[in-house]
N, C-alpha and C. Protein backbone atom coordinates (compact mmCIF):
# COMPACT_ATOMS: atom_id res chain seq x y z
N MET A 1 152.05 -36.81 24.11
CA MET A 1 152.79 -35.77 23.49
C MET A 1 154.53 -36.37 24.09
N LYS A 2 155.34 -36.10 23.10
CA LYS A 2 157.11 -36.25 23.39
C LYS A 2 157.18 -34.95 24.21
N LEU A 3 158.39 -35.36 25.01
CA LEU A 3 158.96 -33.66 24.78
C LEU A 3 159.66 -33.10 24.27
N LEU A 4 160.36 -33.43 23.16
CA LEU A 4 160.65 -33.11 21.59
C LEU A 4 159.78 -31.63 21.15
N ASP A 5 158.37 -32.65 20.68
CA ASP A 5 157.41 -31.96 20.63
C ASP A 5 156.64 -30.64 21.26
N VAL A 6 156.93 -30.81 23.04
CA VAL A 6 156.20 -30.17 23.59
C VAL A 6 157.23 -28.70 23.98
N ALA A 7 158.64 -28.92 23.69
CA ALA A 7 159.66 -28.15 23.70
C ALA A 7 159.37 -26.77 22.48
N ALA A 8 159.51 -27.75 21.07
CA ALA A 8 158.81 -27.27 19.93
C ALA A 8 157.55 -26.32 19.61
N ILE A 9 156.98 -26.71 21.24
CA ILE A 9 155.41 -25.45 20.88
C ILE A 9 155.69 -25.04 21.89
N PHE A 10 156.63 -24.95 22.91
CA PHE A 10 156.91 -24.06 23.79
C PHE A 10 157.66 -23.46 22.72
N LYS A 11 158.40 -23.17 21.95
CA LYS A 11 159.36 -22.16 21.11
C LYS A 11 157.89 -21.16 20.25
N VAL A 12 157.55 -22.06 19.47
CA VAL A 12 156.16 -21.60 18.79
C VAL A 12 155.44 -20.37 19.47
N LEU A 13 155.38 -20.88 20.76
CA LEU A 13 154.08 -20.04 21.56
C LEU A 13 155.11 -19.13 22.46
N GLY A 14 156.33 -19.19 21.73
CA GLY A 14 157.23 -17.98 22.51
C GLY A 14 157.04 -16.19 21.66
N ASP A 15 156.25 -16.57 20.62
CA ASP A 15 156.22 -15.29 19.95
C ASP A 15 155.17 -15.12 20.41
N PRO A 16 154.87 -13.36 19.87
CA PRO A 16 153.39 -12.74 21.10
C PRO A 16 152.33 -12.67 20.14
N THR A 17 152.78 -13.00 18.90
CA THR A 17 151.66 -12.77 17.75
C THR A 17 151.42 -14.27 17.33
N ARG A 18 151.95 -15.36 17.48
CA ARG A 18 151.80 -16.90 17.34
C ARG A 18 150.36 -16.76 18.49
N LEU A 19 150.63 -16.31 19.65
CA LEU A 19 150.40 -16.33 21.10
C LEU A 19 149.04 -16.39 21.17
N LYS A 20 149.00 -14.62 20.23
CA LYS A 20 147.95 -13.97 20.41
C LYS A 20 146.78 -14.63 19.16
N ILE A 21 147.49 -15.33 18.38
CA ILE A 21 146.59 -15.75 16.96
C ILE A 21 145.74 -17.27 18.04
N ILE A 22 146.60 -17.78 19.41
CA ILE A 22 146.14 -18.64 19.63
C ILE A 22 145.11 -18.83 20.78
N GLN A 23 145.51 -17.44 20.87
CA GLN A 23 143.88 -16.86 21.97
C GLN A 23 143.29 -16.17 21.50
N ILE A 24 142.78 -16.31 20.00
CA ILE A 24 141.48 -15.84 19.56
C ILE A 24 141.31 -16.65 18.92
N LEU A 25 141.99 -17.51 18.29
CA LEU A 25 141.37 -18.91 18.09
C LEU A 25 140.59 -19.76 19.01
N SER A 26 140.70 -19.42 20.07
CA SER A 26 140.42 -20.58 21.40
C SER A 26 138.84 -20.33 21.85
N ASP A 27 138.02 -19.49 21.24
CA ASP A 27 136.87 -18.85 21.29
C ASP A 27 135.61 -20.26 20.40
N ASP A 28 137.08 -20.55 20.09
CA ASP A 28 136.06 -21.95 19.33
C ASP A 28 135.57 -21.18 17.98
N LYS A 29 135.41 -20.19 16.95
CA LYS A 29 135.47 -19.52 16.27
C LYS A 29 136.22 -19.80 15.08
N GLU A 30 135.51 -20.04 14.13
CA GLU A 30 136.63 -20.47 12.30
C GLU A 30 136.55 -18.81 12.24
N ARG A 31 137.92 -18.40 12.04
CA ARG A 31 138.07 -17.64 11.38
C ARG A 31 139.03 -17.05 9.84
N CYS A 32 138.70 -16.35 9.38
CA CYS A 32 138.92 -15.95 8.06
C CYS A 32 140.51 -15.07 8.49
N ALA A 33 141.28 -15.40 7.16
CA ALA A 33 143.11 -14.88 7.78
C ALA A 33 142.36 -13.40 7.57
N CYS A 34 141.59 -12.85 6.39
CA CYS A 34 141.51 -11.08 6.58
C CYS A 34 140.67 -10.60 7.87
N GLU A 35 139.91 -11.57 8.42
CA GLU A 35 139.87 -11.30 9.73
C GLU A 35 140.88 -10.78 10.72
N LEU A 36 141.45 -11.94 11.17
CA LEU A 36 142.83 -12.17 11.97
C LEU A 36 143.77 -10.92 10.86
N LEU A 37 143.69 -10.42 10.32
CA LEU A 37 144.68 -9.62 9.84
C LEU A 37 144.39 -8.41 10.83
N LYS A 38 143.45 -7.58 10.76
CA LYS A 38 142.63 -6.72 11.93
C LYS A 38 143.57 -6.48 12.69
N THR A 39 143.60 -7.51 13.41
CA THR A 39 144.42 -7.49 14.78
C THR A 39 145.17 -6.65 15.37
N PHE A 40 146.38 -7.25 13.82
CA PHE A 40 147.55 -6.79 14.16
C PHE A 40 147.93 -6.12 12.79
N ASP A 41 148.97 -5.09 13.41
CA ASP A 41 149.74 -4.43 12.55
C ASP A 41 150.64 -5.14 11.61
N ILE A 42 150.65 -5.84 11.08
CA ILE A 42 151.49 -7.21 10.19
C ILE A 42 150.88 -7.17 8.63
N THR A 43 152.12 -7.49 7.62
CA THR A 43 151.01 -7.69 6.59
C THR A 43 150.92 -8.99 6.46
N GLN A 44 150.18 -9.33 5.10
CA GLN A 44 149.85 -11.05 4.80
C GLN A 44 150.19 -11.53 4.78
N PRO A 45 151.79 -11.78 4.38
CA PRO A 45 152.77 -12.28 4.20
C PRO A 45 152.89 -12.61 5.34
N THR A 46 153.39 -11.91 6.01
CA THR A 46 153.94 -11.98 7.62
C THR A 46 153.34 -13.13 8.31
N LEU A 47 151.52 -12.55 8.54
CA LEU A 47 150.10 -13.38 9.25
C LEU A 47 150.64 -15.25 8.35
N SER A 48 150.41 -15.28 6.94
CA SER A 48 150.73 -16.32 6.96
C SER A 48 151.58 -17.17 7.07
N HIS A 49 153.14 -16.18 7.13
CA HIS A 49 154.53 -17.16 7.36
C HIS A 49 153.88 -17.43 9.14
N HIS A 50 153.26 -16.65 9.68
CA HIS A 50 152.89 -17.45 11.49
C HIS A 50 152.19 -18.85 11.46
N MET A 51 150.59 -18.24 9.98
CA MET A 51 150.13 -18.93 9.94
C MET A 51 150.61 -20.87 9.96
N LYS A 52 151.60 -20.82 9.03
CA LYS A 52 152.05 -21.85 8.55
C LYS A 52 152.81 -22.80 9.90
N ILE A 53 153.42 -22.15 10.99
CA ILE A 53 154.05 -22.30 11.86
C ILE A 53 153.05 -23.17 12.32
N LEU A 54 152.32 -22.53 13.09
CA LEU A 54 151.39 -23.22 14.03
C LEU A 54 150.87 -24.35 12.60
N ASN A 55 150.23 -24.36 11.91
CA ASN A 55 149.99 -25.49 11.34
C ASN A 55 151.27 -26.52 11.18
N ASN A 56 152.02 -26.11 11.07
CA ASN A 56 152.93 -27.26 10.98
C ASN A 56 153.29 -27.75 12.02
N PHE A 57 152.75 -27.39 13.45
CA PHE A 57 153.16 -27.88 14.80
C PHE A 57 151.74 -28.58 15.13
N LYS A 58 150.88 -28.82 14.16
CA LYS A 58 149.52 -28.87 14.71
C LYS A 58 148.69 -28.17 15.75
N LEU A 59 149.19 -26.84 15.44
CA LEU A 59 148.38 -26.30 16.73
C LEU A 59 146.69 -25.40 16.11
N ILE A 60 147.20 -25.55 15.00
CA ILE A 60 145.53 -25.04 14.30
C ILE A 60 145.17 -26.04 13.49
N LYS A 61 144.19 -25.86 12.52
CA LYS A 61 143.43 -26.14 10.92
C LYS A 61 143.10 -25.45 10.54
N THR A 62 143.52 -25.87 9.17
CA THR A 62 142.95 -24.88 7.98
C THR A 62 142.64 -25.33 6.74
N ARG A 63 141.23 -24.13 6.48
CA ARG A 63 140.36 -25.16 5.54
C ARG A 63 140.73 -23.54 4.46
N LYS A 64 140.29 -24.25 3.13
CA LYS A 64 139.98 -23.66 1.88
C LYS A 64 139.76 -23.31 0.98
N ALA A 65 138.63 -22.09 1.32
CA ALA A 65 137.63 -21.95 0.43
C ALA A 65 137.58 -20.81 -0.14
N GLY A 66 137.99 -21.55 -1.81
CA GLY A 66 137.86 -20.41 -2.59
C GLY A 66 139.51 -19.36 -2.38
N VAL A 67 139.57 -18.92 -2.19
CA VAL A 67 141.09 -17.79 -2.65
C VAL A 67 141.26 -17.42 -0.63
N TRP A 68 140.49 -17.84 -0.16
CA TRP A 68 140.11 -17.65 1.49
C TRP A 68 140.40 -18.63 2.11
N ASN A 69 142.01 -18.79 3.37
CA ASN A 69 142.09 -19.64 4.43
C ASN A 69 141.21 -19.13 5.49
N TYR A 70 140.94 -21.06 6.04
CA TYR A 70 139.94 -20.32 7.14
C TYR A 70 140.67 -21.39 8.22
N TYR A 71 140.28 -21.01 9.67
CA TYR A 71 141.47 -21.21 10.64
C TYR A 71 140.93 -21.17 11.76
N THR A 72 141.13 -23.04 12.56
CA THR A 72 140.58 -22.85 14.05
C THR A 72 141.22 -23.82 14.70
N LEU A 73 141.28 -23.44 15.99
CA LEU A 73 142.15 -24.15 17.21
C LEU A 73 142.09 -26.02 17.03
N ASN A 74 143.49 -26.43 16.54
CA ASN A 74 142.84 -27.50 16.67
C ASN A 74 142.84 -28.22 18.47
N LYS A 75 142.26 -28.56 18.34
CA LYS A 75 142.09 -28.21 20.29
C LYS A 75 142.45 -29.94 20.75
N LYS A 76 142.67 -31.24 19.92
CA LYS A 76 143.30 -32.00 20.26
C LYS A 76 145.26 -31.72 20.94
N THR A 77 145.44 -30.96 19.72
CA THR A 77 146.93 -30.86 20.38
C THR A 77 147.23 -29.50 21.43
N VAL A 78 146.40 -28.93 21.70
CA VAL A 78 146.25 -28.07 22.70
C VAL A 78 146.08 -28.86 23.62
N MET A 79 144.56 -30.01 24.14
CA MET A 79 144.08 -30.38 24.70
C MET A 79 145.78 -31.43 25.10
N GLU A 80 146.30 -32.13 24.57
CA GLU A 80 147.71 -32.60 24.95
C GLU A 80 148.72 -31.96 25.12
N PHE A 81 149.03 -30.71 25.23
CA PHE A 81 149.49 -29.79 25.66
C PHE A 81 149.18 -29.61 26.95
N LYS A 82 148.21 -29.18 27.02
CA LYS A 82 147.92 -28.53 28.15
C LYS A 82 147.97 -30.14 29.33
N HIS A 83 147.46 -31.04 29.16
CA HIS A 83 147.52 -32.26 29.72
C HIS A 83 148.77 -32.32 30.59
N PHE A 84 150.48 -32.51 29.35
CA PHE A 84 151.74 -32.41 29.99
C PHE A 84 151.76 -30.90 30.71
N ILE A 85 151.30 -29.69 30.70
CA ILE A 85 151.71 -28.65 31.69
C ILE A 85 150.47 -29.58 32.86
N ASP A 86 149.58 -29.45 33.16
CA ASP A 86 148.65 -29.75 34.20
C ASP A 86 149.71 -30.91 34.65
N GLU A 87 150.39 -32.13 34.25
CA GLU A 87 150.74 -33.26 34.77
C GLU A 87 152.64 -32.42 35.55
N LEU A 88 153.06 -32.23 34.88
CA LEU A 88 154.10 -31.25 35.36
C LEU A 88 153.91 -30.37 36.57
N CYS A 89 152.81 -29.52 36.78
CA CYS A 89 152.35 -29.05 37.56
C CYS A 89 151.72 -29.94 38.53
N ASP A 90 151.28 -30.44 38.34
CA ASP A 90 151.07 -31.89 39.92
C ASP A 90 152.14 -32.40 39.79
N LYS A 91 153.33 -32.88 39.54
CA LYS A 91 154.27 -33.51 40.26
C LYS A 91 154.94 -32.93 40.48
N ASN A 92 154.88 -31.27 40.36
CA ASN A 92 156.20 -30.11 41.00
C ASN A 92 155.33 -29.62 42.08
N PHE A 93 154.41 -29.20 41.75
CA PHE A 93 153.29 -28.64 42.91
C PHE A 93 152.20 -28.98 44.34
N GLY A 94 151.93 -29.91 43.14
CA GLY A 94 150.95 -30.81 44.01
C GLY A 94 149.41 -29.95 44.00
N GLU A 95 149.00 -30.45 44.86
CA GLU A 95 147.89 -29.83 44.84
C GLU A 95 147.44 -28.13 45.39
N SER A 96 148.55 -27.63 45.57
CA SER A 96 148.75 -26.54 46.53
C SER A 96 148.34 -25.21 45.42
N ASN A 97 147.45 -24.36 45.79
CA ASN A 97 147.72 -22.84 45.43
C ASN A 97 148.24 -22.12 45.40
N ASP A 98 149.39 -22.28 46.31
CA ASP A 98 150.62 -21.27 46.17
C ASP A 98 151.72 -21.07 45.60
N VAL A 99 151.15 -21.33 44.69
CA VAL A 99 151.73 -20.47 43.21
C VAL A 99 151.36 -19.56 42.74
C-alpha cells in the first residue's frame, strides 16, 4: 500500500462516524443503509456521503438491491492497512509490549 493511500485512509478514518461504520461492518455481516441509520443521529443524505467516501477509498463494498444499498467491509484494503500499521509498529517498537 502506498504512503499516499495510507495517509488518505487515516484522514478518512479520522471522522468518528466513518470509524464507527467501519467498526460496525467489521463483524463480517452485510448491513443495509437503513440499519446503519438507526445507529447514528444523522440523515440519510449524510450517511450516503460517508458511505461514498468509504467506498471511494475501497474501505467498504457496496451492493445495490432494488432501492437499497448493502455494505460490507472490504477486507483486502483493511488487511493491507493493518499490514502497514503492523510493519510500522514492528520497526519502531520491536516485539516489546511496553506500548
